[in-house]
């Protein structure tokens, strides 16, 4: 789990660099249709970040995507600690 200060830094980096990412449509890769969105990757001088942009008329779709990401992150986190 990252600290509150680190979480703030992550959001600051994303915020400062997201405008640059948005200027290049080639930054965006279409997610599978079931995810209703796009994935973009960007970077600054210190690291890399990814952003998922999703939209659906059903709020459950967005909630399900977040749940799938959380499950993926937990699975990969436990594999790294092995």
N, C-alpha and C. Protein backbone atom coordinates (compact mmCIF):
# COMPACT_ATOMS: atom_id res chain seq x y z
N UNK A 1 0.84 -1.17 0.00
CA UNK A 1 0.00 0.00 0.00
C UNK A 1 0.90 1.25 0.00
N UNK A 2 0.60 2.21 -0.86
CA UNK A 2 1.42 3.42 -0.87
C UNK A 2 0.94 4.38 0.21
N UNK A 3 1.83 5.25 0.62
CA UNK A 3 1.48 6.21 1.66
C UNK A 3 0.62 7.33 1.08
N UNK A 4 0.01 8.09 1.96
CA UNK A 4 -0.84 9.21 1.54
C UNK A 4 -0.01 10.23 0.76
N UNK A 5 1.21 10.48 1.20
CA UNK A 5 2.09 11.42 0.50
C UNK A 5 2.44 10.92 -0.89
N UNK A 6 2.74 9.63 -1.01
CA UNK A 6 3.05 9.06 -2.32
C UNK A 6 1.84 9.10 -3.24
N UNK A 7 0.65 8.82 -2.70
CA UNK A 7 -0.57 8.89 -3.51
C UNK A 7 -0.77 10.30 -4.04
N UNK A 8 -0.51 11.30 -3.22
CA UNK A 8 -0.62 12.69 -3.65
C UNK A 8 0.35 12.98 -4.78
N UNK A 9 1.58 12.49 -4.66
CA UNK A 9 2.58 12.70 -5.71
C UNK A 9 2.17 12.04 -7.02
N UNK A 10 1.60 10.84 -6.94
CA UNK A 10 1.15 10.13 -8.14
C UNK A 10 0.09 10.96 -8.86
N UNK A 11 -0.90 11.44 -8.12
CA UNK A 11 -1.97 12.24 -8.72
C UNK A 11 -1.41 13.53 -9.29
N UNK A 12 -0.45 14.13 -8.62
CA UNK A 12 0.17 15.36 -9.12
C UNK A 12 0.90 15.12 -10.44
N UNK A 13 1.65 14.02 -10.53
CA UNK A 13 2.35 13.68 -11.77
C UNK A 13 1.36 13.44 -12.89
N UNK A 14 0.31 12.66 -12.60
CA UNK A 14 -0.69 12.39 -13.63
C UNK A 14 -1.35 13.69 -14.08
N UNK A 15 -1.74 14.52 -13.12
CA UNK A 15 -2.38 15.79 -13.46
C UNK A 15 -1.49 16.68 -14.30
N UNK A 16 -0.23 16.76 -13.95
CA UNK A 16 0.69 17.63 -14.68
C UNK A 16 1.01 17.12 -16.09
N UNK A 17 0.87 15.81 -16.31
CA UNK A 17 1.24 15.23 -17.59
C UNK A 17 0.06 14.80 -18.47
N UNK A 18 -1.13 14.79 -17.91
CA UNK A 18 -2.30 14.30 -18.64
C UNK A 18 -2.65 15.19 -19.82
N UNK A 19 -2.45 16.48 -19.70
CA UNK A 19 -2.73 17.38 -20.83
C UNK A 19 -1.83 17.03 -22.00
N UNK A 20 -0.56 16.78 -21.75
CA UNK A 20 0.35 16.39 -22.83
C UNK A 20 -0.08 15.10 -23.49
N UNK A 21 -0.52 14.13 -22.68
CA UNK A 21 -0.99 12.86 -23.24
C UNK A 21 -2.23 13.10 -24.09
N UNK A 22 -3.12 13.98 -23.64
CA UNK A 22 -4.38 14.21 -24.35
C UNK A 22 -4.18 14.86 -25.71
N UNK A 23 -3.06 15.50 -25.94
CA UNK A 23 -2.81 16.16 -27.22
C UNK A 23 -2.44 15.18 -28.33
N UNK A 24 -2.12 13.95 -27.98
CA UNK A 24 -1.71 12.96 -28.98
C UNK A 24 -2.67 11.78 -28.95
N UNK A 25 -3.55 11.70 -29.94
CA UNK A 25 -4.54 10.61 -29.95
C UNK A 25 -3.87 9.25 -30.10
N UNK A 26 -2.63 9.21 -30.57
CA UNK A 26 -1.91 7.94 -30.67
C UNK A 26 -1.53 7.38 -29.30
N UNK A 27 -1.65 8.21 -28.25
CA UNK A 27 -1.36 7.74 -26.89
C UNK A 27 -2.42 6.77 -26.40
N UNK A 28 -3.58 6.76 -27.03
CA UNK A 28 -4.71 5.99 -26.53
C UNK A 28 -4.88 4.69 -27.29
N UNK A 29 -5.07 3.61 -26.56
CA UNK A 29 -5.32 2.29 -27.12
C UNK A 29 -6.73 1.89 -26.71
N UNK A 30 -7.51 1.40 -27.66
CA UNK A 30 -8.87 0.98 -27.36
C UNK A 30 -8.85 -0.25 -26.47
N UNK A 31 -9.62 -0.21 -25.39
CA UNK A 31 -9.80 -1.38 -24.56
C UNK A 31 -10.83 -2.29 -25.22
N UNK A 32 -10.87 -3.56 -24.81
CA UNK A 32 -11.91 -4.44 -25.36
C UNK A 32 -13.28 -3.80 -25.16
N UNK A 33 -14.18 -4.01 -26.10
CA UNK A 33 -15.50 -3.37 -26.05
C UNK A 33 -16.20 -3.52 -24.72
N UNK A 34 -15.99 -4.63 -24.05
CA UNK A 34 -16.68 -4.84 -22.78
C UNK A 34 -16.22 -3.86 -21.70
N UNK A 35 -15.12 -3.15 -21.94
CA UNK A 35 -14.62 -2.20 -20.95
C UNK A 35 -15.02 -0.75 -21.24
N UNK A 36 -15.61 -0.49 -22.41
CA UNK A 36 -16.15 0.84 -22.71
C UNK A 36 -15.14 1.96 -22.50
N UNK A 37 -13.95 1.85 -23.01
CA UNK A 37 -13.02 2.93 -22.76
C UNK A 37 -11.70 2.80 -23.46
N UNK A 38 -10.76 3.59 -22.99
CA UNK A 38 -9.42 3.67 -23.55
C UNK A 38 -8.39 3.64 -22.43
N UNK A 39 -7.22 3.18 -22.82
CA UNK A 39 -6.08 3.16 -21.90
C UNK A 39 -4.99 4.04 -22.49
N UNK A 40 -4.41 4.89 -21.69
CA UNK A 40 -3.30 5.73 -22.16
C UNK A 40 -2.13 5.57 -21.20
N UNK A 41 -0.95 5.61 -21.76
CA UNK A 41 0.27 5.52 -20.97
C UNK A 41 1.07 6.80 -21.18
N UNK A 42 1.65 7.30 -20.13
CA UNK A 42 2.47 8.49 -20.22
C UNK A 42 3.66 8.38 -19.29
N UNK A 43 4.49 9.39 -19.28
CA UNK A 43 5.66 9.35 -18.40
C UNK A 43 6.15 10.76 -18.12
N UNK A 44 6.93 10.86 -17.07
CA UNK A 44 7.65 12.09 -16.78
C UNK A 44 9.10 11.69 -16.54
N UNK A 45 9.88 12.56 -15.97
CA UNK A 45 11.30 12.26 -15.78
C UNK A 45 11.54 11.21 -14.69
N UNK A 46 10.53 10.94 -13.85
CA UNK A 46 10.72 10.03 -12.73
C UNK A 46 10.09 8.66 -12.92
N UNK A 47 9.13 8.54 -13.82
CA UNK A 47 8.47 7.25 -13.94
C UNK A 47 7.39 7.23 -15.00
N UNK A 48 6.60 6.19 -14.97
CA UNK A 48 5.56 5.96 -15.97
C UNK A 48 4.21 5.86 -15.27
N UNK A 49 3.15 6.29 -15.95
CA UNK A 49 1.82 6.14 -15.39
C UNK A 49 0.87 5.68 -16.47
N UNK A 50 -0.23 5.09 -16.06
CA UNK A 50 -1.27 4.67 -16.98
C UNK A 50 -2.60 5.22 -16.52
N UNK A 51 -3.46 5.53 -17.47
CA UNK A 51 -4.77 6.09 -17.17
C UNK A 51 -5.81 5.29 -17.95
N UNK A 52 -6.86 4.88 -17.27
CA UNK A 52 -7.97 4.23 -17.94
C UNK A 52 -9.13 5.22 -17.97
N UNK A 53 -9.63 5.50 -19.16
CA UNK A 53 -10.78 6.37 -19.33
C UNK A 53 -11.93 5.48 -19.75
N UNK A 54 -12.98 5.46 -18.96
CA UNK A 54 -14.11 4.59 -19.27
C UNK A 54 -15.41 5.34 -19.07
N UNK A 55 -16.41 4.97 -19.85
CA UNK A 55 -17.72 5.59 -19.75
C UNK A 55 -18.77 4.55 -20.05
N UNK A 56 -19.84 4.57 -19.31
CA UNK A 56 -20.98 3.72 -19.61
C UNK A 56 -22.22 4.35 -19.02
N UNK A 57 -23.34 4.15 -19.67
CA UNK A 57 -24.60 4.65 -19.12
C UNK A 57 -25.00 3.89 -17.87
N UNK A 58 -24.39 2.73 -17.66
CA UNK A 58 -24.65 1.94 -16.46
C UNK A 58 -23.46 2.08 -15.52
N UNK A 59 -23.71 2.62 -14.34
CA UNK A 59 -22.64 2.79 -13.35
C UNK A 59 -22.01 1.47 -12.95
N UNK A 60 -22.77 0.38 -13.04
CA UNK A 60 -22.22 -0.93 -12.68
C UNK A 60 -21.06 -1.32 -13.59
N UNK A 61 -21.11 -0.91 -14.86
CA UNK A 61 -20.01 -1.22 -15.77
C UNK A 61 -18.70 -0.64 -15.27
N UNK A 62 -18.75 0.61 -14.83
CA UNK A 62 -17.55 1.29 -14.33
C UNK A 62 -17.09 0.62 -13.03
N UNK A 63 -18.04 0.32 -12.15
CA UNK A 63 -17.70 -0.36 -10.90
C UNK A 63 -17.07 -1.72 -11.16
N UNK A 64 -17.62 -2.45 -12.14
CA UNK A 64 -17.06 -3.76 -12.48
C UNK A 64 -15.64 -3.66 -13.01
N UNK A 65 -15.36 -2.63 -13.81
CA UNK A 65 -14.01 -2.43 -14.33
C UNK A 65 -13.03 -2.15 -13.19
N UNK A 66 -13.44 -1.31 -12.25
CA UNK A 66 -12.58 -1.02 -11.09
C UNK A 66 -12.33 -2.29 -10.29
N UNK A 67 -13.38 -3.08 -10.10
CA UNK A 67 -13.23 -4.34 -9.36
C UNK A 67 -12.26 -5.28 -10.08
N UNK A 68 -12.37 -5.39 -11.41
CA UNK A 68 -11.46 -6.25 -12.18
C UNK A 68 -10.02 -5.77 -12.03
N UNK A 69 -9.82 -4.45 -12.07
CA UNK A 69 -8.47 -3.91 -11.91
C UNK A 69 -7.93 -4.23 -10.51
N UNK A 70 -8.75 -4.05 -9.50
CA UNK A 70 -8.31 -4.33 -8.13
C UNK A 70 -7.91 -5.80 -7.97
N UNK A 71 -8.70 -6.70 -8.57
CA UNK A 71 -8.37 -8.13 -8.51
C UNK A 71 -7.06 -8.42 -9.23
N UNK A 72 -6.88 -7.80 -10.40
CA UNK A 72 -5.63 -7.98 -11.16
C UNK A 72 -4.44 -7.46 -10.34
N UNK A 73 -4.60 -6.28 -9.74
CA UNK A 73 -3.50 -5.69 -8.97
C UNK A 73 -3.16 -6.56 -7.77
N UNK A 74 -4.17 -7.07 -7.07
CA UNK A 74 -3.92 -7.93 -5.93
C UNK A 74 -3.22 -9.22 -6.34
N UNK A 75 -3.65 -9.81 -7.46
CA UNK A 75 -3.04 -11.05 -7.95
C UNK A 75 -1.57 -10.82 -8.31
N UNK A 76 -1.28 -9.73 -9.01
CA UNK A 76 0.09 -9.45 -9.43
C UNK A 76 0.96 -9.03 -8.27
N UNK A 77 0.39 -8.36 -7.30
CA UNK A 77 1.14 -7.96 -6.11
C UNK A 77 1.58 -9.20 -5.34
N UNK A 78 0.68 -10.18 -5.20
CA UNK A 78 1.05 -11.39 -4.45
C UNK A 78 2.07 -12.23 -5.22
N UNK A 79 2.06 -12.18 -6.55
CA UNK A 79 3.05 -12.92 -7.32
C UNK A 79 4.44 -12.30 -7.17
N UNK A 80 4.51 -10.96 -7.04
CA UNK A 80 5.80 -10.29 -6.87
C UNK A 80 6.44 -10.65 -5.53
N UNK A 81 5.62 -10.87 -4.50
CA UNK A 81 6.18 -11.14 -3.19
C UNK A 81 6.64 -12.58 -3.01
N UNK A 82 6.39 -13.44 -4.01
CA UNK A 82 6.81 -14.83 -3.92
C UNK A 82 8.28 -14.99 -4.20
